[in-house]
Amino acid sequence: MSAKFKKVKEIVASIEADVEKFYDKDNQAAGTRVRKAMQDLKVLAQDIRKEVQEIKNKKAASKAKSGGAKKASGGKSTAKSGGKKK
């Protein structure tokens, strides 16, 4: 599991009390802490999205290099039958 994902889980767990204080007890300072934590989560989530996409792209590139000629050409037939698959 990614260290970044573990950090997301830690942040969520750490703000649970502040969420309760803000929503149930109308503690405004707790609301500020929740907003900051949510911003941190947003940044982490974006980092995780980028990381996942990079890994997917690397795997796709390595598959294309290792004999995925049909997939690299989009799986289109090169026969002279109007370009339609049979």
PDB file of N, CA and C in Angstrom:
ATOM      1  N   MET A   1       0.846  -1.174   0.000  1.00  0.00           N
ATOM      2  CA  MET A   1       0.000   0.000   0.000  1.00  0.00           C
ATOM      3  C   MET A   1       0.893   1.238   0.000  1.00  0.00           C
ATOM      4  N   SER A   2       0.454   2.230  -0.680  1.00  0.00           N
ATOM      5  CA  SER A   2       1.195   3.476  -0.813  1.00  0.00           C
ATOM      6  C   SER A   2       1.288   4.205   0.530  1.00  0.00           C
ATOM      7  N   ALA A   3       2.445   4.810   0.770  1.00  0.00           N
ATOM      8  CA  ALA A   3       2.632   5.610   1.979  1.00  0.00           C
ATOM      9  C   ALA A   3       1.687   6.808   1.973  1.00  0.00           C
ATOM     10  N   LYS A   4       1.403   7.325   0.785  1.00  0.00           N
ATOM     11  CA  LYS A   4       0.492   8.466   0.679  1.00  0.00           C
ATOM     12  C   LYS A   4      -0.924   8.064   1.087  1.00  0.00           C
ATOM     13  N   PHE A   5      -1.337   6.866   0.708  1.00  0.00           N
ATOM     14  CA  PHE A   5      -2.674   6.412   1.080  1.00  0.00           C
ATOM     15  C   PHE A   5      -2.767   6.199   2.584  1.00  0.00           C
ATOM     16  N   LYS A   6      -1.699   5.688   3.173  1.00  0.00           N
ATOM     17  CA  LYS A   6      -1.684   5.531   4.631  1.00  0.00           C
ATOM     18  C   LYS A   6      -1.820   6.891   5.307  1.00  0.00           C
ATOM     19  N   LYS A   7      -1.174   7.909   4.728  1.00  0.00           N
ATOM     20  CA  LYS A   7      -1.261   9.264   5.274  1.00  0.00           C
ATOM     21  C   LYS A   7      -2.695   9.781   5.189  1.00  0.00           C
ATOM     22  N   VAL A   8      -3.381   9.480   4.094  1.00  0.00           N
ATOM     23  CA  VAL A   8      -4.787   9.872   3.954  1.00  0.00           C
ATOM     24  C   VAL A   8      -5.607   9.273   5.093  1.00  0.00           C
ATOM     25  N   LYS A   9      -5.403   7.983   5.335  1.00  0.00           N
ATOM     26  CA  LYS A   9      -6.143   7.313   6.414  1.00  0.00           C
ATOM     27  C   LYS A   9      -5.829   7.928   7.774  1.00  0.00           C
ATOM     28  N   GLU A  10      -4.564   8.288   7.996  1.00  0.00           N
ATOM     29  CA  GLU A  10      -4.175   8.913   9.263  1.00  0.00           C
ATOM     30  C   GLU A  10      -4.850  10.269   9.443  1.00  0.00           C
ATOM     31  N   ILE A  11      -4.894  11.053   8.390  1.00  0.00           N
ATOM     32  CA  ILE A  11      -5.521  12.377   8.474  1.00  0.00           C
ATOM     33  C   ILE A  11      -7.001  12.248   8.787  1.00  0.00           C
ATOM     34  N   VAL A  12      -7.667  11.347   8.092  1.00  0.00           N
ATOM     35  CA  VAL A  12      -9.103  11.150   8.324  1.00  0.00           C
ATOM     36  C   VAL A  12      -9.348  10.730   9.776  1.00  0.00           C
ATOM     37  N   ALA A  13      -8.540   9.804  10.255  1.00  0.00           N
ATOM     38  CA  ALA A  13      -8.708   9.350  11.640  1.00  0.00           C
ATOM     39  C   ALA A  13      -8.416  10.479  12.636  1.00  0.00           C
ATOM     40  N   SER A  14      -7.434  11.306  12.319  1.00  0.00           N
ATOM     41  CA  SER A  14      -7.035  12.355  13.261  1.00  0.00           C
ATOM     42  C   SER A  14      -8.055  13.491  13.363  1.00  0.00           C
ATOM     43  N   ILE A  15      -8.874  13.700  12.355  1.00  0.00           N
ATOM     44  CA  ILE A  15      -9.824  14.812  12.417  1.00  0.00           C
ATOM     45  C   ILE A  15     -11.222  14.383  12.850  1.00  0.00           C
ATOM     46  N   GLU A  16     -11.386  13.129  13.153  1.00  0.00           N
ATOM     47  CA  GLU A  16     -12.716  12.640  13.531  1.00  0.00           C
ATOM     48  C   GLU A  16     -13.286  13.425  14.709  1.00  0.00           C
ATOM     49  N   ALA A  17     -12.479  13.661  15.714  1.00  0.00           N
ATOM     50  CA  ALA A  17     -12.953  14.396  16.899  1.00  0.00           C
ATOM     51  C   ALA A  17     -13.315  15.834  16.536  1.00  0.00           C
ATOM     52  N   ASP A  18     -12.500  16.461  15.681  1.00  0.00           N
ATOM     53  CA  ASP A  18     -12.791  17.838  15.283  1.00  0.00           C
ATOM     54  C   ASP A  18     -14.065  17.927  14.450  1.00  0.00           C
ATOM     55  N   VAL A  19     -14.313  16.939  13.619  1.00  0.00           N
ATOM     56  CA  VAL A  19     -15.547  16.914  12.829  1.00  0.00           C
ATOM     57  C   VAL A  19     -16.747  16.862  13.769  1.00  0.00           C
ATOM     58  N   GLU A  20     -16.655  16.006  14.767  1.00  0.00           N
ATOM     59  CA  GLU A  20     -17.739  15.888  15.742  1.00  0.00           C
ATOM     60  C   GLU A  20     -17.919  17.201  16.502  1.00  0.00           C
ATOM     61  N   LYS A  21     -16.811  17.810  16.940  1.00  0.00           N
ATOM     62  CA  LYS A  21     -16.896  19.075  17.666  1.00  0.00           C
ATOM     63  C   LYS A  21     -17.546  20.160  16.823  1.00  0.00           C
ATOM     64  N   PHE A  22     -17.209  20.213  15.551  1.00  0.00           N
ATOM     65  CA  PHE A  22     -17.759  21.249  14.698  1.00  0.00           C
ATOM     66  C   PHE A  22     -19.245  21.034  14.432  1.00  0.00           C
ATOM     67  N   TYR A  23     -19.613  19.838  13.998  1.00  0.00           N
ATOM     68  CA  TYR A  23     -21.002  19.590  13.620  1.00  0.00           C
ATOM     69  C   TYR A  23     -21.939  19.442  14.809  1.00  0.00           C
ATOM     70  N   ASP A  24     -21.470  18.797  15.868  1.00  0.00           N
ATOM     71  CA  ASP A  24     -22.363  18.532  16.996  1.00  0.00           C
ATOM     72  C   ASP A  24     -22.315  19.612  18.069  1.00  0.00           C
ATOM     73  N   LYS A  25     -21.159  20.236  18.252  1.00  0.00           N
ATOM     74  CA  LYS A  25     -21.006  21.190  19.355  1.00  0.00           C
ATOM     75  C   LYS A  25     -20.776  22.619  18.867  1.00  0.00           C
ATOM     76  N   ASP A  26     -20.834  22.828  17.555  1.00  0.00           N
ATOM     77  CA  ASP A  26     -20.692  24.150  16.945  1.00  0.00           C
ATOM     78  C   ASP A  26     -19.384  24.854  17.344  1.00  0.00           C
ATOM     79  N   ASN A  27     -18.304  24.074  17.417  1.00  0.00           N
ATOM     80  CA  ASN A  27     -16.987  24.624  17.753  1.00  0.00           C
ATOM     81  C   ASN A  27     -16.334  25.130  16.469  1.00  0.00           C
ATOM     82  N   GLN A  28     -16.227  26.437  16.325  1.00  0.00           N
ATOM     83  CA  GLN A  28     -15.723  27.052  15.102  1.00  0.00           C
ATOM     84  C   GLN A  28     -14.245  26.755  14.857  1.00  0.00           C
ATOM     85  N   ALA A  29     -13.449  26.714  15.928  1.00  0.00           N
ATOM     86  CA  ALA A  29     -12.022  26.416  15.774  1.00  0.00           C
ATOM     87  C   ALA A  29     -11.826  25.002  15.223  1.00  0.00           C
ATOM     88  N   ALA A  30     -12.671  24.082  15.651  1.00  0.00           N
ATOM     89  CA  ALA A  30     -12.601  22.715  15.129  1.00  0.00           C
ATOM     90  C   ALA A  30     -12.925  22.713  13.643  1.00  0.00           C
ATOM     91  N   GLY A  31     -13.840  23.577  13.223  1.00  0.00           N
ATOM     92  CA  GLY A  31     -14.179  23.691  11.811  1.00  0.00           C
ATOM     93  C   GLY A  31     -12.989  24.158  10.987  1.00  0.00           C
ATOM     94  N   THR A  32     -12.209  25.063  11.547  1.00  0.00           N
ATOM     95  CA  THR A  32     -11.000  25.540  10.871  1.00  0.00           C
ATOM     96  C   THR A  32     -10.003  24.398  10.706  1.00  0.00           C
ATOM     97  N   ARG A  33      -9.838  23.600  11.734  1.00  0.00           N
ATOM     98  CA  ARG A  33      -8.918  22.453  11.659  1.00  0.00           C
ATOM     99  C   ARG A  33      -9.404  21.430  10.640  1.00  0.00           C
ATOM    100  N   VAL A  34     -10.706  21.240  10.574  1.00  0.00           N
ATOM    101  CA  VAL A  34     -11.272  20.300   9.598  1.00  0.00           C
ATOM    102  C   VAL A  34     -11.008  20.807   8.177  1.00  0.00           C
ATOM    103  N   ARG A  35     -11.215  22.099   7.956  1.00  0.00           N
ATOM    104  CA  ARG A  35     -10.974  22.667   6.626  1.00  0.00           C
ATOM    105  C   ARG A  35      -9.510  22.507   6.219  1.00  0.00           C
ATOM    106  N   LYS A  36      -8.588  22.733   7.134  1.00  0.00           N
ATOM    107  CA  LYS A  36      -7.163  22.575   6.826  1.00  0.00           C
ATOM    108  C   LYS A  36      -6.852  21.120   6.479  1.00  0.00           C
ATOM    109  N   ALA A  37      -7.392  20.207   7.282  1.00  0.00           N
ATOM    110  CA  ALA A  37      -7.159  18.781   7.029  1.00  0.00           C
ATOM    111  C   ALA A  37      -7.747  18.365   5.678  1.00  0.00           C
ATOM    112  N   MET A  38      -8.909  18.918   5.335  1.00  0.00           N
ATOM    113  CA  MET A  38      -9.525  18.598   4.046  1.00  0.00           C
ATOM    114  C   MET A  38      -8.657  19.108   2.895  1.00  0.00           C
ATOM    115  N   GLN A  39      -8.036  20.261   3.069  1.00  0.00           N
ATOM    116  CA  GLN A  39      -7.135  20.777   2.040  1.00  0.00           C
ATOM    117  C   GLN A  39      -5.923  19.861   1.890  1.00  0.00           C
ATOM    118  N   ASP A  40      -5.385  19.404   3.022  1.00  0.00           N
ATOM    119  CA  ASP A  40      -4.259  18.463   2.976  1.00  0.00           C
ATOM    120  C   ASP A  40      -4.659  17.178   2.253  1.00  0.00           C
ATOM    121  N   LEU A  41      -5.886  16.708   2.522  1.00  0.00           N
ATOM    122  CA  LEU A  41      -6.387  15.503   1.849  1.00  0.00           C
ATOM    123  C   LEU A  41      -6.515  15.728   0.347  1.00  0.00           C
ATOM    124  N   LYS A  42      -6.966  16.904  -0.023  1.00  0.00           N
ATOM    125  CA  LYS A  42      -7.105  17.225  -1.438  1.00  0.00           C
ATOM    126  C   LYS A  42      -5.758  17.143  -2.154  1.00  0.00           C
ATOM    127  N   VAL A  43      -4.735  17.707  -1.529  1.00  0.00           N
ATOM    128  CA  VAL A  43      -3.396  17.680  -2.116  1.00  0.00           C
ATOM    129  C   VAL A  43      -2.886  16.239  -2.218  1.00  0.00           C
ATOM    130  N   LEU A  44      -3.048  15.483  -1.153  1.00  0.00           N
ATOM    131  CA  LEU A  44      -2.615  14.084  -1.162  1.00  0.00           C
ATOM    132  C   LEU A  44      -3.374  13.276  -2.219  1.00  0.00           C
ATOM    133  N   ALA A  45      -4.677  13.505  -2.309  1.00  0.00           N
ATOM    134  CA  ALA A  45      -5.487  12.772  -3.287  1.00  0.00           C
ATOM    135  C   ALA A  45      -4.999  13.069  -4.702  1.00  0.00           C
ATOM    136  N   GLN A  46      -4.676  14.318  -4.976  1.00  0.00           N
ATOM    137  CA  GLN A  46      -4.176  14.671  -6.302  1.00  0.00           C
ATOM    138  C   GLN A  46      -2.840  13.992  -6.570  1.00  0.00           C
ATOM    139  N   ASP A  47      -1.975  13.960  -5.569  1.00  0.00           N
ATOM    140  CA  ASP A  47      -0.686  13.283  -5.716  1.00  0.00           C
ATOM    141  C   ASP A  47      -0.880  11.796  -6.006  1.00  0.00           C
ATOM    142  N   ILE A  48      -1.821  11.182  -5.305  1.00  0.00           N
ATOM    143  CA  ILE A  48      -2.095   9.758  -5.512  1.00  0.00           C
ATOM    144  C   ILE A  48      -2.632   9.530  -6.921  1.00  0.00           C
ATOM    145  N   ARG A  49      -3.525  10.407  -7.385  1.00  0.00           N
ATOM    146  CA  ARG A  49      -4.070  10.277  -8.745  1.00  0.00           C
ATOM    147  C   ARG A  49      -2.952  10.341  -9.776  1.00  0.00           C
ATOM    148  N   LYS A  50      -2.026  11.281  -9.610  1.00  0.00           N
ATOM    149  CA  LYS A  50      -0.906  11.398 -10.542  1.00  0.00           C
ATOM    150  C   LYS A  50      -0.038  10.146 -10.511  1.00  0.00           C
ATOM    151  N   GLU A  51       0.237   9.652  -9.308  1.00  0.00           N
ATOM    152  CA  GLU A  51       1.068   8.457  -9.156  1.00  0.00           C
ATOM    153  C   GLU A  51       0.427   7.251  -9.837  1.00  0.00           C
ATOM    154  N   VAL A  52      -0.867   7.074  -9.626  1.00  0.00           N
ATOM    155  CA  VAL A  52      -1.589   5.953 -10.227  1.00  0.00           C
ATOM    156  C   VAL A  52      -1.536   6.050 -11.752  1.00  0.00           C
ATOM    157  N   GLN A  53      -1.748   7.251 -12.286  1.00  0.00           N
ATOM    158  CA  GLN A  53      -1.721   7.418 -13.740  1.00  0.00           C
ATOM    159  C   GLN A  53      -0.335   7.140 -14.302  1.00  0.00           C
ATOM    160  N   GLU A  54       0.704   7.582 -13.604  1.00  0.00           N
ATOM    161  CA  GLU A  54       2.074   7.311 -14.057  1.00  0.00           C
ATOM    162  C   GLU A  54       2.355   5.820 -14.097  1.00  0.00           C
ATOM    163  N   ILE A  55       1.917   5.106 -13.075  1.00  0.00           N
ATOM    164  CA  ILE A  55       2.130   3.656 -13.026  1.00  0.00           C
ATOM    165  C   ILE A  55       1.370   2.974 -14.170  1.00  0.00           C
ATOM    166  N   LYS A  56       0.118   3.398 -14.397  1.00  0.00           N
ATOM    167  CA  LYS A  56      -0.660   2.828 -15.497  1.00  0.00           C
ATOM    168  C   LYS A  56       0.018   3.085 -16.836  1.00  0.00           C
ATOM    169  N   ASN A  57       0.523   4.304 -17.035  1.00  0.00           N
ATOM    170  CA  ASN A  57       1.185   4.636 -18.300  1.00  0.00           C
ATOM    171  C   ASN A  57       2.454   3.815 -18.499  1.00  0.00           C
ATOM    172  N   LYS A  58       3.232   3.617 -17.427  1.00  0.00           N
ATOM    173  CA  LYS A  58       4.456   2.815 -17.532  1.00  0.00           C
ATOM    174  C   LYS A  58       4.120   1.376 -17.887  1.00  0.00           C
ATOM    175  N   LYS A  59       3.081   0.827 -17.271  1.00  0.00           N
ATOM    176  CA  LYS A  59       2.692  -0.548 -17.567  1.00  0.00           C
ATOM    177  C   LYS A  59       2.199  -0.678 -19.006  1.00  0.00           C
ATOM    178  N   ALA A  60       1.444   0.289 -19.464  1.00  0.00           N
ATOM    179  CA  ALA A  60       0.957   0.251 -20.844  1.00  0.00           C
ATOM    180  C   ALA A  60       2.113   0.361 -21.826  1.00  0.00           C
ATOM    181  N   ALA A  61       3.089   1.216 -21.512  1.00  0.00           N
ATOM    182  CA  ALA A  61       4.250   1.386 -22.394  1.00  0.00           C
ATOM    183  C   ALA A  61       5.081   0.111 -22.446  1.00  0.00           C
ATOM    184  N   SER A  62       5.237  -0.546 -21.307  1.00  0.00           N
ATOM    185  CA  SER A  62       6.037  -1.772 -21.292  1.00  0.00           C
ATOM    186  C   SER A  62       5.321  -2.907 -22.019  1.00  0.00           C
ATOM    187  N   LYS A  63       3.997  -2.937 -21.962  1.00  0.00           N
ATOM    188  CA  LYS A  63       3.247  -3.948 -22.705  1.00  0.00           C
ATOM    189  C   LYS A  63       3.374  -3.704 -24.202  1.00  0.00           C
ATOM    190  N   ALA A  64       3.326  -2.453 -24.595  1.00  0.00           N
ATOM    191  CA  ALA A  64       3.438  -2.120 -26.013  1.00  0.00           C
ATOM    192  C   ALA A  64       4.818  -2.492 -26.550  1.00  0.00           C
ATOM    193  N   LYS A  65       5.841  -2.310 -25.741  1.00  0.00           N
ATOM    194  CA  LYS A  65       7.209  -2.635 -26.161  1.00  0.00           C
ATOM    195  C   LYS A  65       7.441  -4.143 -26.218  1.00  0.00           C
ATOM    196  N   SER A  66       6.751  -4.880 -25.370  1.00  0.00           N
ATOM    197  CA  SER A  66       7.019  -6.315 -25.276  1.00  0.00           C
ATOM    198  C   SER A  66       6.092  -7.153 -26.157  1.00  0.00           C
ATOM    199  N   GLY A  67       5.858  -6.703 -27.378  1.00  0.00           N
ATOM    200  CA  GLY A  67       5.116  -7.535 -28.321  1.00  0.00           C
ATOM    201  C   GLY A  67       3.648  -7.241 -28.409  1.00  0.00           C
ATOM    202  N   GLY A  68       3.209  -6.142 -27.928  1.00  0.00           N
ATOM    203  CA  GLY A  68       1.801  -5.793 -28.043  1.00  0.00           C
ATOM    204  C   GLY A  68       1.538  -5.054 -29.327  1.00  0.00           C
ATOM    205  N   ALA A  69       2.035  -5.557 -30.455  1.00  0.00           N
ATOM    206  CA  ALA A  69       1.917  -4.864 -31.739  1.00  0.00           C
ATOM    207  C   ALA A  69       0.462  -4.669 -32.133  1.00  0.00           C
ATOM    208  N   LYS A  70      -0.364  -5.679 -31.897  1.00  0.00           N
ATOM    209  CA  LYS A  70      -1.763  -5.551 -32.253  1.00  0.00           C
ATOM    210  C   LYS A  70      -2.431  -4.476 -31.417  1.00  0.00           C
ATOM    211  N   LYS A  71      -2.125  -4.456 -30.106  1.00  0.00           N
ATOM    212  CA  LYS A  71      -2.707  -3.450 -29.243  1.00  0.00           C
ATOM    213  C   LYS A  71      -2.150  -2.074 -29.549  1.00  0.00           C
ATOM    214  N   ALA A  72      -0.890  -1.998 -29.921  1.00  0.00           N
ATOM    215  CA  ALA A  72      -0.277  -0.710 -30.221  1.00  0.00           C
ATOM    216  C   ALA A  72      -0.920  -0.067 -31.437  1.00  0.00           C
ATOM    217  N   SER A  73      -1.394  -0.887 -32.380  1.00  0.00           N
ATOM    218  CA  SER A  73      -2.034  -0.338 -33.579  1.00  0.00           C
ATOM    219  C   SER A  73      -3.526  -0.151 -33.362  1.00  0.00           C
ATOM    220  N   GLY A  74      -3.963  -0.297 -32.135  1.00  0.00           N
ATOM    221  CA  GLY A  74      -5.381  -0.113 -31.841  1.00  0.00           C
ATOM    222  C   GLY A  74      -6.206  -1.344 -32.143  1.00  0.00           C
ATOM    223  N   GLY A  75      -5.568  -2.457 -32.470  1.00  0.00           N
ATOM    224  CA  GLY A  75      -6.281  -3.685 -32.757  1.00  0.00           C
ATOM    225  C   GLY A  75      -6.959  -3.680 -34.108  1.00  0.00           C
ATOM    226  N   LYS A  76      -6.608  -2.730 -34.976  1.00  0.00           N
ATOM    227  CA  LYS A  76      -7.237  -2.628 -36.288  1.00  0.00           C
ATOM    228  C   LYS A  76      -6.598  -3.615 -37.253  1.00  0.00           C
ATOM    229  N   SER A  77      -7.425  -4.152 -38.092  1.00  0.00           N
ATOM    230  CA  SER A  77      -6.950  -5.074 -39.106  1.00  0.00           C
ATOM    231  C   SER A  77      -6.248  -4.301 -40.216  1.00  0.00           C
ATOM    232  N   THR A  78      -5.178  -4.899 -40.742  1.00  0.00           N
ATOM    233  CA  THR A  78      -4.459  -4.251 -41.855  1.00  0.00           C
ATOM    234  C   THR A  78      -4.832  -4.899 -43.178  1.00  0.00           C
ATOM    235  N   ALA A  79      -5.833  -5.781 -43.162  1.00  0.00           N
ATOM    236  CA  ALA A  79      -6.277  -6.433 -44.399  1.00  0.00           C
ATOM    237  C   ALA A  79      -6.930  -5.411 -45.311  1.00  0.00           C
ATOM    238  N   LYS A  80      -6.947  -5.718 -46.605  1.00  0.00           N
ATOM    239  CA  LYS A  80      -7.488  -4.768 -47.583  1.00  0.00           C
ATOM    240  C   LYS A  80      -8.994  -4.967 -47.763  1.00  0.00           C
ATOM    241  N   SER A  81      -9.670  -5.217 -46.713  1.00  0.00           N
ATOM    242  CA  SER A  81     -11.127  -5.403 -46.799  1.00  0.00           C
ATOM    243  C   SER A  81     -11.835  -4.165 -46.298  1.00  0.00           C
ATOM    244  N   GLY A  82     -11.296  -3.008 -46.605  1.00  0.00           N
ATOM    245  CA  GLY A  82     -11.948  -1.774 -46.197  1.00  0.00           C
ATOM    246  C   GLY A  82     -11.621  -1.417 -44.762  1.00  0.00           C
ATOM    247  N   GLY A  83     -10.639  -2.103 -44.154  1.00  0.00           N
ATOM    248  CA  GLY A  83     -10.241  -1.792 -42.789  1.00  0.00           C
ATOM    249  C   GLY A  83     -11.177  -2.358 -41.741  1.00  0.00           C
ATOM    250  N   LYS A  84     -12.112  -3.202 -42.153  1.00  0.00           N
ATOM    251  CA  LYS A  84     -13.056  -3.770 -41.201  1.00  0.00           C
ATOM    252  C   LYS A  84     -12.511  -5.068 -40.646  1.00  0.00           C
ATOM    253  N   LYS A  85     -12.806  -5.309 -39.368  1.00  0.00           N
ATOM    254  CA  LYS A  85     -12.407  -6.573 -38.762  1.00  0.00           C
ATOM    255  C   LYS A  85     -13.309  -7.680 -39.258  1.00  0.00           C
ATOM    256  N   LYS A  86     -12.736  -8.857 -39.356  1.00  0.00           N
ATOM    257  CA  LYS A  86     -13.521 -10.017 -39.785  1.00  0.00           C
ATOM    258  C   LYS A  86     -13.934 -10.820 -38.588  1.00  0.00           C
TER     259      LYS A  86
END
